[in-house]
Amino acid sequence: MIHEILPVGPLQCNCSILGDEESREAIVVDPGDEIARIVEILDRHHLTVKQILITHAHIDHIAGAQRLKRLTGAPILYNENDLPLVRMMDVQAGWLGMATPEVLPPDDLLQDGKRIAITNLTGSILHTPGHTQGSVCLYVPDHSLLIAGDTLFAGSIGRTDLPGGDTRQILRSIHDRLLALPDEVVVVPGHGARTTIGEERNSNPFILQTLR
């Protein structure tokens, strides 16, 4: 599997490009900005984008999705519970002092348990509300990989003080959905360094507090 992680935009959102070496099909997760750089990587690997996945509808994760769709024709998928955040995209843009991007309703929905697949690569969606109501993670078991959006970070968890956030809910999502995964699963958070489920289970202070 090809896996490129590209921090994009002013908040350095981790955009993941997942591709298959044989079919050259690809999935792009969270193309928040810098679409030209994303396309450069796709071209370098001769990849064709089949799906654009959004872990949640905060502007730093979704702002570039429509531009990438226009270039690739790939559908955009995200959870419908984040549509209220899409409707306040102008407010989100104001938080960062940037122009309001074009963000449209999803072409398909990322509901819990949805199967995500390209040739030789299959994953599933875990609905993990708390950072936002529509927050999801992509779990790819054959590669022990979790793309966690802003639900879980190395040594931390997603903030819950923005619209749609709920601290008790995000902790429950992490405990019930993410800690159920094997310790060796590599976690790619929405920002910052990679970690593993085992590392977070054993040392993340927010998780340790809930396990007491």
N, C-alpha and C. Protein backbone atom coordinates (compact mmCIF):
# COMPACT_ATOMS: atom_id res chain seq x y z
N MET A 1 0.83 -1.19 0.00
CA MET A 1 0.00 0.00 0.00
C MET A 1 0.87 1.25 0.00
N ILE A 2 0.51 2.20 -0.82
CA ILE A 2 1.12 3.52 -0.79
C ILE A 2 0.40 4.34 0.28
N HIS A 3 1.15 4.96 1.17
CA HIS A 3 0.54 5.86 2.15
C HIS A 3 1.42 7.08 2.30
N GLU A 4 0.95 8.19 1.80
CA GLU A 4 1.64 9.47 1.94
C GLU A 4 0.82 10.35 2.89
N ILE A 5 1.50 10.98 3.85
CA ILE A 5 0.87 11.90 4.79
C ILE A 5 1.42 13.29 4.52
N LEU A 6 0.53 14.22 4.22
CA LEU A 6 0.93 15.56 3.82
C LEU A 6 0.26 16.59 4.73
N PRO A 7 1.00 17.24 5.63
CA PRO A 7 0.39 18.30 6.43
C PRO A 7 0.07 19.51 5.53
N VAL A 8 -1.18 19.94 5.55
CA VAL A 8 -1.61 21.00 4.64
C VAL A 8 -2.28 22.14 5.40
N GLY A 9 -2.20 23.33 4.82
CA GLY A 9 -2.93 24.47 5.33
C GLY A 9 -2.29 25.11 6.55
N PRO A 10 -2.86 26.22 7.00
CA PRO A 10 -2.28 26.96 8.13
C PRO A 10 -2.28 26.17 9.43
N LEU A 11 -3.19 25.22 9.59
CA LEU A 11 -3.23 24.41 10.81
C LEU A 11 -2.56 23.05 10.63
N GLN A 12 -1.91 22.84 9.46
CA GLN A 12 -1.14 21.62 9.20
C GLN A 12 -1.98 20.36 9.43
N CYS A 13 -3.14 20.32 8.81
CA CYS A 13 -3.99 19.13 8.84
C CYS A 13 -3.29 17.99 8.10
N ASN A 14 -3.28 16.82 8.69
CA ASN A 14 -2.67 15.65 8.05
C ASN A 14 -3.61 15.09 6.99
N CYS A 15 -3.28 15.35 5.72
CA CYS A 15 -4.00 14.73 4.60
C CYS A 15 -3.33 13.41 4.27
N SER A 16 -4.10 12.33 4.22
CA SER A 16 -3.57 11.01 3.88
C SER A 16 -3.96 10.63 2.46
N ILE A 17 -2.99 10.14 1.72
CA ILE A 17 -3.23 9.56 0.39
C ILE A 17 -2.94 8.07 0.50
N LEU A 18 -3.98 7.26 0.29
CA LEU A 18 -3.86 5.81 0.34
C LEU A 18 -4.00 5.28 -1.08
N GLY A 19 -3.02 4.51 -1.54
CA GLY A 19 -3.08 4.01 -2.91
C GLY A 19 -2.66 2.57 -3.03
N ASP A 20 -3.11 1.93 -4.08
CA ASP A 20 -2.76 0.55 -4.38
C ASP A 20 -1.71 0.52 -5.49
N GLU A 21 -0.61 -0.20 -5.25
CA GLU A 21 0.49 -0.22 -6.21
C GLU A 21 0.14 -0.89 -7.53
N GLU A 22 -0.82 -1.79 -7.51
CA GLU A 22 -1.16 -2.52 -8.73
C GLU A 22 -2.20 -1.78 -9.57
N SER A 23 -3.33 -1.48 -8.98
CA SER A 23 -4.42 -0.83 -9.73
C SER A 23 -4.21 0.66 -9.90
N ARG A 24 -3.38 1.26 -9.03
CA ARG A 24 -3.15 2.71 -9.00
C ARG A 24 -4.41 3.48 -8.64
N GLU A 25 -5.33 2.83 -7.92
CA GLU A 25 -6.49 3.51 -7.37
C GLU A 25 -6.12 4.12 -6.02
N ALA A 26 -6.82 5.21 -5.65
CA ALA A 26 -6.45 5.91 -4.42
C ALA A 26 -7.66 6.47 -3.70
N ILE A 27 -7.48 6.68 -2.41
CA ILE A 27 -8.41 7.39 -1.55
C ILE A 27 -7.64 8.56 -0.95
N VAL A 28 -8.24 9.73 -0.94
CA VAL A 28 -7.64 10.89 -0.29
C VAL A 28 -8.50 11.25 0.92
N VAL A 29 -7.85 11.37 2.07
CA VAL A 29 -8.55 11.68 3.32
C VAL A 29 -8.16 13.08 3.78
N ASP A 30 -9.15 13.93 4.00
CA ASP A 30 -8.97 15.27 4.57
C ASP A 30 -8.07 16.19 3.73
N PRO A 31 -8.44 16.43 2.48
CA PRO A 31 -7.69 17.40 1.67
C PRO A 31 -8.10 18.83 2.03
N GLY A 32 -7.58 19.32 3.15
CA GLY A 32 -8.02 20.61 3.66
C GLY A 32 -7.51 21.80 2.89
N ASP A 33 -6.37 21.64 2.20
CA ASP A 33 -5.76 22.78 1.52
C ASP A 33 -4.61 22.24 0.66
N GLU A 34 -3.93 23.14 -0.02
CA GLU A 34 -2.74 22.82 -0.81
C GLU A 34 -3.01 21.69 -1.80
N ILE A 35 -4.07 21.85 -2.56
CA ILE A 35 -4.49 20.81 -3.50
C ILE A 35 -3.43 20.54 -4.55
N ALA A 36 -2.70 21.57 -4.97
CA ALA A 36 -1.65 21.37 -5.97
C ALA A 36 -0.59 20.39 -5.46
N ARG A 37 -0.23 20.48 -4.18
CA ARG A 37 0.74 19.55 -3.61
C ARG A 37 0.17 18.14 -3.55
N ILE A 38 -1.11 18.02 -3.22
CA ILE A 38 -1.76 16.71 -3.18
C ILE A 38 -1.75 16.09 -4.58
N VAL A 39 -2.11 16.88 -5.57
CA VAL A 39 -2.15 16.38 -6.96
C VAL A 39 -0.75 15.99 -7.42
N GLU A 40 0.26 16.72 -7.00
CA GLU A 40 1.63 16.38 -7.36
C GLU A 40 2.00 14.99 -6.87
N ILE A 41 1.60 14.66 -5.64
CA ILE A 41 1.88 13.32 -5.10
C ILE A 41 1.09 12.26 -5.85
N LEU A 42 -0.17 12.56 -6.13
CA LEU A 42 -0.98 11.61 -6.90
C LEU A 42 -0.35 11.34 -8.27
N ASP A 43 0.11 12.39 -8.92
CA ASP A 43 0.73 12.23 -10.24
C ASP A 43 2.04 11.46 -10.14
N ARG A 44 2.80 11.71 -9.09
CA ARG A 44 4.09 11.03 -8.93
C ARG A 44 3.90 9.52 -8.83
N HIS A 45 2.82 9.10 -8.17
CA HIS A 45 2.55 7.67 -8.01
C HIS A 45 1.59 7.15 -9.10
N HIS A 46 1.20 8.01 -10.02
CA HIS A 46 0.27 7.63 -11.10
C HIS A 46 -1.04 7.08 -10.52
N LEU A 47 -1.58 7.80 -9.55
CA LEU A 47 -2.79 7.36 -8.85
C LEU A 47 -4.03 8.07 -9.39
N THR A 48 -5.13 7.32 -9.42
CA THR A 48 -6.45 7.85 -9.78
C THR A 48 -7.32 7.85 -8.53
N VAL A 49 -7.82 9.02 -8.16
CA VAL A 49 -8.61 9.14 -6.94
C VAL A 49 -10.02 8.58 -7.17
N LYS A 50 -10.41 7.64 -6.32
CA LYS A 50 -11.74 7.04 -6.40
C LYS A 50 -12.69 7.60 -5.36
N GLN A 51 -12.15 8.06 -4.22
CA GLN A 51 -13.00 8.59 -3.15
C GLN A 51 -12.24 9.67 -2.40
N ILE A 52 -12.97 10.67 -1.96
CA ILE A 52 -12.44 11.72 -1.10
C ILE A 52 -13.20 11.63 0.22
N LEU A 53 -12.49 11.26 1.30
CA LEU A 53 -13.12 11.07 2.60
C LEU A 53 -12.79 12.24 3.52
N ILE A 54 -13.78 12.69 4.26
CA ILE A 54 -13.61 13.78 5.21
C ILE A 54 -13.94 13.24 6.60
N THR A 55 -12.96 13.32 7.53
CA THR A 55 -13.19 12.78 8.87
C THR A 55 -14.16 13.64 9.67
N HIS A 56 -14.19 14.94 9.40
CA HIS A 56 -15.16 15.83 10.03
C HIS A 56 -15.12 17.17 9.30
N ALA A 57 -16.16 17.96 9.47
CA ALA A 57 -16.36 19.13 8.62
C ALA A 57 -15.83 20.42 9.22
N HIS A 58 -14.69 20.37 9.90
CA HIS A 58 -14.00 21.60 10.25
C HIS A 58 -13.24 22.08 9.02
N ILE A 59 -13.13 23.38 8.88
CA ILE A 59 -12.63 23.98 7.66
C ILE A 59 -11.23 23.49 7.27
N ASP A 60 -10.38 23.21 8.25
CA ASP A 60 -9.02 22.79 7.94
C ASP A 60 -8.95 21.39 7.37
N HIS A 61 -10.04 20.63 7.46
CA HIS A 61 -10.07 19.26 6.93
C HIS A 61 -10.86 19.16 5.62
N ILE A 62 -11.76 20.09 5.38
CA ILE A 62 -12.69 19.94 4.27
C ILE A 62 -12.57 21.03 3.21
N ALA A 63 -11.82 22.10 3.48
CA ALA A 63 -11.85 23.28 2.61
C ALA A 63 -11.44 23.00 1.17
N GLY A 64 -10.53 22.06 0.95
CA GLY A 64 -10.05 21.79 -0.40
C GLY A 64 -10.77 20.67 -1.12
N ALA A 65 -11.73 20.05 -0.47
CA ALA A 65 -12.35 18.84 -1.04
C ALA A 65 -13.03 19.12 -2.38
N GLN A 66 -13.76 20.21 -2.48
CA GLN A 66 -14.48 20.50 -3.71
C GLN A 66 -13.52 20.79 -4.86
N ARG A 67 -12.40 21.45 -4.55
CA ARG A 67 -11.40 21.69 -5.59
C ARG A 67 -10.80 20.37 -6.08
N LEU A 68 -10.53 19.46 -5.15
CA LEU A 68 -9.97 18.16 -5.57
C LEU A 68 -11.00 17.37 -6.37
N LYS A 69 -12.27 17.47 -5.99
CA LYS A 69 -13.31 16.79 -6.75
C LYS A 69 -13.38 17.31 -8.18
N ARG A 70 -13.27 18.61 -8.36
CA ARG A 70 -13.32 19.17 -9.72
C ARG A 70 -12.17 18.65 -10.58
N LEU A 71 -11.03 18.41 -9.96
CA LEU A 71 -9.87 17.95 -10.72
C LEU A 71 -9.91 16.45 -10.99
N THR A 72 -10.53 15.68 -10.11
CA THR A 72 -10.47 14.22 -10.20
C THR A 72 -11.80 13.56 -10.54
N GLY A 73 -12.91 14.24 -10.27
CA GLY A 73 -14.22 13.63 -10.46
C GLY A 73 -14.63 12.69 -9.35
N ALA A 74 -13.80 12.55 -8.32
CA ALA A 74 -14.09 11.60 -7.25
C ALA A 74 -15.17 12.15 -6.32
N PRO A 75 -16.04 11.28 -5.80
CA PRO A 75 -17.08 11.73 -4.87
C PRO A 75 -16.51 12.09 -3.52
N ILE A 76 -17.19 13.01 -2.84
CA ILE A 76 -16.83 13.43 -1.49
C ILE A 76 -17.76 12.74 -0.50
N LEU A 77 -17.18 12.14 0.55
CA LEU A 77 -17.97 11.42 1.55
C LEU A 77 -17.68 11.99 2.92
N TYR A 78 -18.73 12.29 3.68
CA TYR A 78 -18.58 12.61 5.09
C TYR A 78 -19.89 12.32 5.81
N ASN A 79 -19.86 12.39 7.14
CA ASN A 79 -21.03 12.02 7.94
C ASN A 79 -22.03 13.17 7.97
N GLU A 80 -23.30 12.83 7.81
CA GLU A 80 -24.36 13.84 7.71
C GLU A 80 -24.54 14.65 8.99
N ASN A 81 -24.08 14.14 10.12
CA ASN A 81 -24.23 14.88 11.37
C ASN A 81 -23.37 16.15 11.41
N ASP A 82 -22.46 16.29 10.45
CA ASP A 82 -21.65 17.51 10.39
C ASP A 82 -22.20 18.54 9.40
N LEU A 83 -23.36 18.30 8.85
CA LEU A 83 -23.94 19.30 7.94
C LEU A 83 -24.16 20.65 8.62
N PRO A 84 -24.52 20.71 9.92
CA PRO A 84 -24.61 22.03 10.55
C PRO A 84 -23.29 22.81 10.50
N LEU A 85 -22.15 22.11 10.58
CA LEU A 85 -20.86 22.78 10.48
C LEU A 85 -20.61 23.29 9.07
N VAL A 86 -21.08 22.56 8.08
CA VAL A 86 -20.95 23.00 6.69
C VAL A 86 -21.75 24.28 6.46
N ARG A 87 -22.92 24.34 7.08
CA ARG A 87 -23.77 25.52 6.90
C ARG A 87 -23.19 26.76 7.58
N MET A 88 -22.25 26.58 8.49
CA MET A 88 -21.60 27.72 9.12
C MET A 88 -20.14 27.85 8.67
N MET A 89 -19.86 27.48 7.42
CA MET A 89 -18.50 27.54 6.91
C MET A 89 -17.98 28.98 6.89
N ASP A 90 -18.87 29.95 6.69
CA ASP A 90 -18.43 31.35 6.72
C ASP A 90 -17.95 31.73 8.12
N VAL A 91 -18.62 31.21 9.14
CA VAL A 91 -18.20 31.47 10.52
C VAL A 91 -16.85 30.80 10.78
N GLN A 92 -16.70 29.57 10.31
CA GLN A 92 -15.43 28.88 10.47
C GLN A 92 -14.29 29.63 9.78
N ALA A 93 -14.57 30.14 8.59
CA ALA A 93 -13.55 30.92 7.86
C ALA A 93 -13.16 32.15 8.66
N GLY A 94 -14.13 32.76 9.33
CA GLY A 94 -13.84 33.93 10.15
C GLY A 94 -12.91 33.62 11.31
N TRP A 95 -13.00 32.40 11.86
CA TRP A 95 -12.09 32.02 12.94
C TRP A 95 -10.64 32.12 12.51
N LEU A 96 -10.38 31.78 11.24
CA LEU A 96 -9.01 31.75 10.73
C LEU A 96 -8.66 32.96 9.89
N GLY A 97 -9.62 33.87 9.69
CA GLY A 97 -9.37 35.05 8.88
C GLY A 97 -9.10 34.72 7.42
N MET A 98 -9.83 33.75 6.88
CA MET A 98 -9.63 33.33 5.49
C MET A 98 -10.94 33.43 4.72
N ALA A 99 -10.84 33.34 3.40
CA ALA A 99 -12.02 33.37 2.56
C ALA A 99 -12.84 32.11 2.77
N THR A 100 -14.15 32.23 2.62
CA THR A 100 -15.04 31.07 2.79
C THR A 100 -14.91 30.13 1.60
N PRO A 101 -14.51 28.88 1.82
CA PRO A 101 -14.38 27.94 0.70
C PRO A 101 -15.73 27.40 0.27
N GLU A 102 -15.76 26.86 -0.94
CA GLU A 102 -16.96 26.18 -1.42
C GLU A 102 -17.02 24.78 -0.80
N VAL A 103 -18.04 24.55 0.00
CA VAL A 103 -18.23 23.24 0.62
C VAL A 103 -19.68 22.84 0.41
N LEU A 104 -19.90 21.69 -0.20
CA LEU A 104 -21.24 21.24 -0.57
C LEU A 104 -21.63 20.00 0.24
N PRO A 105 -22.92 19.65 0.25
CA PRO A 105 -23.33 18.39 0.89
C PRO A 105 -22.58 17.20 0.28
N PRO A 106 -22.42 16.13 1.04
CA PRO A 106 -21.64 14.98 0.55
C PRO A 106 -22.33 14.26 -0.60
N ASP A 107 -21.51 13.63 -1.42
CA ASP A 107 -22.04 12.77 -2.49
C ASP A 107 -22.51 11.43 -1.93
N ASP A 108 -21.93 11.02 -0.82
CA ASP A 108 -22.32 9.80 -0.13
C ASP A 108 -21.98 9.98 1.34
N LEU A 109 -22.57 9.16 2.18
CA LEU A 109 -22.46 9.35 3.62
C LEU A 109 -21.50 8.36 4.27
N LEU A 110 -20.74 8.85 5.24
CA LEU A 110 -19.86 8.00 6.02
C LEU A 110 -20.56 7.63 7.32
N GLN A 111 -21.38 6.60 7.25
CA GLN A 111 -22.08 6.12 8.44
C GLN A 111 -21.29 4.99 9.09
N ASP A 112 -21.53 4.77 10.36
CA ASP A 112 -20.80 3.77 11.11
C ASP A 112 -20.89 2.40 10.43
N GLY A 113 -19.75 1.75 10.27
CA GLY A 113 -19.70 0.43 9.66
C GLY A 113 -19.61 0.44 8.15
N LYS A 114 -19.67 1.61 7.52
CA LYS A 114 -19.62 1.65 6.06
C LYS A 114 -18.30 1.08 5.57
N ARG A 115 -18.36 0.24 4.56
CA ARG A 115 -17.16 -0.35 3.96
C ARG A 115 -16.58 0.61 2.94
N ILE A 116 -15.30 0.87 3.06
CA ILE A 116 -14.58 1.74 2.14
C ILE A 116 -13.57 0.86 1.41
N ALA A 117 -13.61 0.87 0.07
CA ALA A 117 -12.74 -0.06 -0.64
C ALA A 117 -12.31 0.49 -2.00
N ILE A 118 -11.04 0.25 -2.30
CA ILE A 118 -10.52 0.30 -3.66
C ILE A 118 -9.85 -1.05 -3.89
N THR A 119 -9.33 -1.28 -5.07
CA THR A 119 -8.69 -2.56 -5.36
C THR A 119 -7.57 -2.83 -4.35
N ASN A 120 -7.64 -3.99 -3.71
CA ASN A 120 -6.62 -4.47 -2.77
C ASN A 120 -6.52 -3.66 -1.47
N LEU A 121 -7.50 -2.84 -1.18
CA LEU A 121 -7.47 -2.07 0.06
C LEU A 121 -8.90 -1.88 0.55
N THR A 122 -9.16 -2.37 1.76
CA THR A 122 -10.50 -2.29 2.33
C THR A 122 -10.43 -1.78 3.76
N GLY A 123 -11.31 -0.84 4.07
CA GLY A 123 -11.40 -0.31 5.42
C GLY A 123 -12.84 -0.17 5.84
N SER A 124 -13.04 0.30 7.05
CA SER A 124 -14.40 0.52 7.55
C SER A 124 -14.43 1.81 8.35
N ILE A 125 -15.61 2.39 8.40
CA ILE A 125 -15.81 3.65 9.09
C ILE A 125 -16.25 3.40 10.53
N LEU A 126 -15.59 4.08 11.46
CA LEU A 126 -15.99 4.08 12.86
C LEU A 126 -16.53 5.48 13.18
N HIS A 127 -17.80 5.57 13.54
CA HIS A 127 -18.37 6.86 13.93
C HIS A 127 -17.92 7.15 15.36
N THR A 128 -17.19 8.25 15.54
CA THR A 128 -16.61 8.58 16.84
C THR A 128 -16.96 10.02 17.23
N PRO A 129 -18.23 10.30 17.50
CA PRO A 129 -18.62 11.68 17.82
C PRO A 129 -17.99 12.19 19.11
N GLY A 130 -17.87 13.50 19.17
CA GLY A 130 -17.33 14.13 20.36
C GLY A 130 -16.54 15.37 20.01
N HIS A 131 -15.59 15.25 19.08
CA HIS A 131 -14.92 16.45 18.56
C HIS A 131 -15.93 17.25 17.74
N THR A 132 -16.63 16.55 16.87
CA THR A 132 -17.85 17.03 16.22
C THR A 132 -18.85 15.89 16.25
N GLN A 133 -20.09 16.18 15.93
CA GLN A 133 -21.11 15.12 15.95
C GLN A 133 -20.95 14.14 14.80
N GLY A 134 -20.30 14.56 13.74
CA GLY A 134 -20.10 13.68 12.59
C GLY A 134 -18.71 13.12 12.46
N SER A 135 -17.89 13.26 13.49
CA SER A 135 -16.51 12.77 13.40
C SER A 135 -16.46 11.26 13.16
N VAL A 136 -15.60 10.86 12.23
CA VAL A 136 -15.40 9.45 11.94
C VAL A 136 -13.91 9.16 11.84
N CYS A 137 -13.57 7.88 12.00
CA CYS A 137 -12.22 7.38 11.76
C CYS A 137 -12.29 6.32 10.67
N LEU A 138 -11.21 6.16 9.93
CA LEU A 138 -11.10 5.10 8.93
C LEU A 138 -10.13 4.05 9.45
N TYR A 139 -10.63 2.82 9.61
CA TYR A 139 -9.81 1.71 10.09
C TYR A 139 -9.52 0.77 8.95
N VAL A 140 -8.23 0.50 8.71
CA VAL A 140 -7.79 -0.41 7.64
C VAL A 140 -7.09 -1.58 8.32
N PRO A 141 -7.83 -2.65 8.65
CA PRO A 141 -7.26 -3.70 9.50
C PRO A 141 -6.09 -4.45 8.87
N ASP A 142 -6.12 -4.68 7.56
CA ASP A 142 -5.04 -5.44 6.93
C ASP A 142 -3.70 -4.72 7.01
N HIS A 143 -3.74 -3.43 7.24
CA HIS A 143 -2.50 -2.64 7.36
C HIS A 143 -2.33 -2.06 8.76
N SER A 144 -3.14 -2.53 9.72
CA SER A 144 -3.06 -2.06 11.12
C SER A 144 -2.98 -0.54 11.18
N LEU A 145 -3.92 0.12 10.51
CA LEU A 145 -3.89 1.56 10.34
C LEU A 145 -5.22 2.17 10.74
N LEU A 146 -5.17 3.25 11.50
CA LEU A 146 -6.34 4.03 11.84
C LEU A 146 -6.07 5.49 11.49
N ILE A 147 -6.88 6.04 10.60
CA ILE A 147 -6.83 7.47 10.32
C ILE A 147 -7.90 8.10 11.20
N ALA A 148 -7.45 8.84 12.23
CA ALA A 148 -8.30 9.16 13.36
C ALA A 148 -8.91 10.55 13.32
N GLY A 149 -8.61 11.35 12.26
CA GLY A 149 -9.12 12.70 12.28
C GLY A 149 -8.69 13.41 13.55
N ASP A 150 -9.59 14.22 14.12
CA ASP A 150 -9.25 14.94 15.35
C ASP A 150 -9.87 14.29 16.59
N THR A 151 -10.12 12.98 16.52
CA THR A 151 -10.64 12.28 17.70
C THR A 151 -9.53 11.95 18.68
N LEU A 152 -8.42 11.40 18.18
CA LEU A 152 -7.33 10.96 19.05
C LEU A 152 -6.01 11.47 18.51
N PHE A 153 -5.19 12.01 19.42
CA PHE A 153 -3.85 12.50 19.09
C PHE A 153 -2.82 11.77 19.93
N ALA A 154 -1.56 11.94 19.57
CA ALA A 154 -0.48 11.43 20.40
C ALA A 154 -0.48 12.21 21.72
N GLY A 155 -0.88 11.55 22.78
CA GLY A 155 -0.88 12.17 24.10
C GLY A 155 -2.04 13.10 24.38
N SER A 156 -3.03 13.13 23.50
CA SER A 156 -4.14 14.06 23.71
C SER A 156 -5.38 13.54 22.99
N ILE A 157 -6.44 14.37 23.04
CA ILE A 157 -7.69 14.08 22.34
C ILE A 157 -8.15 15.35 21.65
N GLY A 158 -9.16 15.22 20.79
CA GLY A 158 -9.67 16.38 20.09
C GLY A 158 -10.34 17.38 21.03
N ARG A 159 -10.23 18.65 20.68
CA ARG A 159 -10.87 19.68 21.49
C ARG A 159 -12.39 19.57 21.36
N THR A 160 -13.07 20.00 22.40
CA THR A 160 -14.53 19.86 22.43
C THR A 160 -15.23 21.17 22.74
N ASP A 161 -14.51 22.29 22.58
CA ASP A 161 -15.08 23.59 22.92
C ASP A 161 -15.62 24.34 21.71
N LEU A 162 -15.69 23.68 20.55
CA LEU A 162 -16.26 24.27 19.34
C LEU A 162 -17.65 23.68 19.13
N PRO A 163 -18.46 24.30 18.25
CA PRO A 163 -19.82 23.80 18.03
C PRO A 163 -19.84 22.30 17.69
N GLY A 164 -20.70 21.57 18.37
CA GLY A 164 -20.81 20.12 18.15
C GLY A 164 -19.91 19.30 19.03
N GLY A 165 -19.06 19.95 19.83
CA GLY A 165 -18.14 19.21 20.68
C GLY A 165 -18.77 18.77 21.99
N ASP A 166 -18.29 17.63 22.52
CA ASP A 166 -18.83 17.08 23.77
C ASP A 166 -17.73 16.22 24.40
N THR A 167 -17.20 16.66 25.54
CA THR A 167 -16.06 15.98 26.14
C THR A 167 -16.40 14.55 26.57
N ARG A 168 -17.50 14.37 27.25
CA ARG A 168 -17.87 13.02 27.69
C ARG A 168 -18.08 12.11 26.49
N GLN A 169 -18.64 12.65 25.42
CA GLN A 169 -18.91 11.85 24.23
C GLN A 169 -17.62 11.41 23.54
N ILE A 170 -16.65 12.31 23.41
CA ILE A 170 -15.41 11.92 22.74
C ILE A 170 -14.65 10.88 23.54
N LEU A 171 -14.67 11.01 24.87
CA LEU A 171 -14.02 10.00 25.70
C LEU A 171 -14.71 8.65 25.58
N ARG A 172 -16.03 8.67 25.48
CA ARG A 172 -16.76 7.43 25.29
C ARG A 172 -16.45 6.82 23.92
N SER A 173 -16.37 7.66 22.90
CA SER A 173 -16.03 7.16 21.56
C SER A 173 -14.66 6.50 21.55
N ILE A 174 -13.69 7.15 22.18
CA ILE A 174 -12.34 6.59 22.23
C ILE A 174 -12.33 5.28 23.01
N HIS A 175 -12.98 5.28 24.15
CA HIS A 175 -12.99 4.08 24.99
C HIS A 175 -13.70 2.92 24.30
N ASP A 176 -14.88 3.18 23.74
CA ASP A 176 -15.70 2.09 23.19
C ASP A 176 -15.25 1.64 21.80
N ARG A 177 -14.78 2.57 20.98
CA ARG A 177 -14.48 2.24 19.59
C ARG A 177 -13.00 2.07 19.32
N LEU A 178 -12.18 2.99 19.80
CA LEU A 178 -10.76 2.96 19.43
C LEU A 178 -9.95 2.04 20.32
N LEU A 179 -10.21 2.02 21.62
CA LEU A 179 -9.46 1.13 22.50
C LEU A 179 -9.82 -0.33 22.29
N ALA A 180 -10.88 -0.58 21.53
CA ALA A 180 -11.22 -1.97 21.17
C ALA A 180 -10.30 -2.52 20.07
N LEU A 181 -9.50 -1.64 19.46
CA LEU A 181 -8.60 -2.07 18.38
C LEU A 181 -7.31 -2.62 18.98
N PRO A 182 -6.56 -3.43 18.21
CA PRO A 182 -5.30 -3.99 18.72
C PRO A 182 -4.27 -2.90 19.03
N ASP A 183 -3.41 -3.18 20.00
CA ASP A 183 -2.39 -2.22 20.41
C ASP A 183 -1.47 -1.82 19.28
N GLU A 184 -1.21 -2.72 18.33
CA GLU A 184 -0.24 -2.42 17.27
C GLU A 184 -0.77 -1.49 16.18
N VAL A 185 -2.05 -1.18 16.22
CA VAL A 185 -2.62 -0.32 15.18
C VAL A 185 -1.97 1.06 15.23
N VAL A 186 -1.45 1.49 14.08
CA VAL A 186 -0.84 2.81 13.95
C VAL A 186 -1.94 3.84 13.78
N VAL A 187 -1.86 4.91 14.56
CA VAL A 187 -2.85 5.97 14.53
C VAL A 187 -2.25 7.19 13.82
N VAL A 188 -2.91 7.62 12.74
CA VAL A 188 -2.55 8.87 12.08
C VAL A 188 -3.58 9.91 12.50
N PRO A 189 -3.22 10.83 13.39
CA PRO A 189 -4.18 11.83 13.84
C PRO A 189 -4.36 12.94 12.81
N GLY A 190 -5.32 13.80 13.08
CA GLY A 190 -5.58 14.89 12.16
C GLY A 190 -4.49 15.94 12.13
N HIS A 191 -3.66 15.98 13.16
CA HIS A 191 -2.54 16.91 13.24
C HIS A 191 -1.44 16.24 14.05
N GLY A 192 -0.21 16.53 13.70
CA GLY A 192 0.90 16.06 14.51
C GLY A 192 1.36 14.65 14.20
N ALA A 193 2.14 14.10 15.14
CA ALA A 193 2.86 12.85 14.91
C ALA A 193 1.96 11.62 15.03
N ARG A 194 2.39 10.57 14.36
CA ARG A 194 1.72 9.28 14.48
C ARG A 194 1.96 8.68 15.86
N THR A 195 1.08 7.76 16.23
CA THR A 195 1.21 7.04 17.49
C THR A 195 0.62 5.65 17.28
N THR A 196 0.38 4.91 18.35
CA THR A 196 -0.29 3.62 18.25
C THR A 196 -1.39 3.55 19.31
N ILE A 197 -2.31 2.64 19.09
CA ILE A 197 -3.36 2.43 20.09
C ILE A 197 -2.74 2.01 21.42
N GLY A 198 -1.75 1.12 21.39
CA GLY A 198 -1.12 0.67 22.63
C GLY A 198 -0.44 1.80 23.38
N GLU A 199 0.26 2.67 22.64
CA GLU A 199 0.93 3.81 23.28
C GLU A 199 -0.08 4.72 23.97
N GLU A 200 -1.18 4.98 23.29
CA GLU A 200 -2.19 5.86 23.89
C GLU A 200 -2.92 5.18 25.04
N ARG A 201 -3.16 3.89 24.93
CA ARG A 201 -3.80 3.16 26.02
C ARG A 201 -2.95 3.24 27.29
N ASN A 202 -1.63 3.21 27.11
CA ASN A 202 -0.73 3.13 28.26
C ASN A 202 -0.26 4.48 28.79
N SER A 203 -0.35 5.55 27.98
CA SER A 203 0.26 6.79 28.43
C SER A 203 -0.58 8.05 28.21
N ASN A 204 -1.64 7.98 27.42
CA ASN A 204 -2.44 9.18 27.17
C ASN A 204 -3.18 9.58 28.44
N PRO A 205 -2.93 10.77 28.99
CA PRO A 205 -3.52 11.12 30.29
C PRO A 205 -5.04 11.19 30.26
N PHE A 206 -5.62 11.56 29.14
CA PHE A 206 -7.08 11.62 29.05
C PHE A 206 -7.68 10.22 29.09
N ILE A 207 -7.01 9.29 28.44
CA ILE A 207 -7.49 7.90 28.44
C ILE A 207 -7.27 7.25 29.80
N LEU A 208 -6.11 7.47 30.40
CA LEU A 208 -5.82 6.88 31.71
C LEU A 208 -6.83 7.34 32.75
N GLN A 209 -7.25 8.58 32.63
CA GLN A 209 -8.22 9.10 33.58
C GLN A 209 -9.55 8.36 33.48
N THR A 210 -9.95 8.03 32.24
CA THR A 210 -11.23 7.33 32.07
C THR A 210 -11.14 5.87 32.46
N LEU A 211 -9.94 5.28 32.48
CA LEU A 211 -9.76 3.87 32.80
C LEU A 211 -9.64 3.62 34.30
N ARG A 212 -9.55 4.67 35.08
CA ARG A 212 -9.42 4.49 36.53
C ARG A 212 -10.70 3.94 37.14
